[in-house]
Each structure stands twice: as structure tokens, then as C-alpha cells.
């Protein structure tokens, strides 16, 4: 039997995920605009390569984190959980790059929109698409996570600033 409290719990969980994921993406974009811009450029330049990098780096990293987090030693369990959180932050960095690219395209369609408004709307649209039942859960969200890991990894490992500083 379905109780009204269960329905409220599911709705509150979805709203909470929506708000926290959107806030995390906006925070990444505002605190680390260079890295988010690098992730966006990586998506624009070669999305397939970033997706393959996400699979190649993400699947072993997640499996390693799950195995270490399931060990009975408390210190190793904490290390495994922290490693999984790091992988999720990489994915959020990449998802912020996706939203950044969406915001740039949004601004070409409507030049009257401010950059922050376009970026906020793009982040909300991306998170909302990931929370759609079935299609979002099993298609959009895994793609965003995989491509996000690839974009986040490439954005963290890119040495563009160092190359420009050396030339100057």
C-alpha cells in the first residue's frame, strides 16, 4: 500500500537532488571558470574521445572505489568513500562544462540573456533531464556521468596555463 509520506519522501529526494546538483554545478562554474571552460572546449573539440576517456578512467576508478569502500577496515572504507566522492566531483566538473557549452549556445539564440542566467538555466535543464524517469535515469544521467568524468579528467590534466606562462 502506498502511503502519502512515501510520495512526499520521493518528491523531496528528487527536489533535493535537483537543488544540490544544480548548486554544485553553478559553484564549479563560478569558482573554477578556467577548468569548466577547458571542459567545455574539450566537449566542443572531441566529444567521443572524452566519452572514451570517461569510460576508460571512470569504470576502473568506480570499481576500485567500491571495492575499497566495501572492505571492513574503517580507514580503508573512508579512503574508498573519499575516492568515490572525488570521482563524482570530477563528473560534476565535466557536467559543469556541458552546462557551460549549453549556456554559450543559449546566448547565441538569445543575446539578451546574461551569462549567469544562461548558465543557471542550462545547469537546471541538464539536471532536470537527468532526473526524468527512465529515459533520464538510464540514458541521460549515465551519459552525463561518463562524459563528465572524461571532461573533468581532461580539464584537470590540461596544462594550457603553464604553456602560456612559459611562452610569456
Foldseek 3Di string as FASTA:
>chain_A
DDDVVVVVVVVVVLVVLLVVLLVLLLVLCVPPVQLLQQLLVVCVPDLVVLLVQLCVPVPVQLVVLVVQLPDPDVVSVVVSVVSVVVLVSLLSSNLSSVLLNQLVVVCVVPVVDDSSRSSSVSSSVLSVQLPPPPCNVPPSVVSSSSSSNSSSVCSVPDDVVVVVVVVD
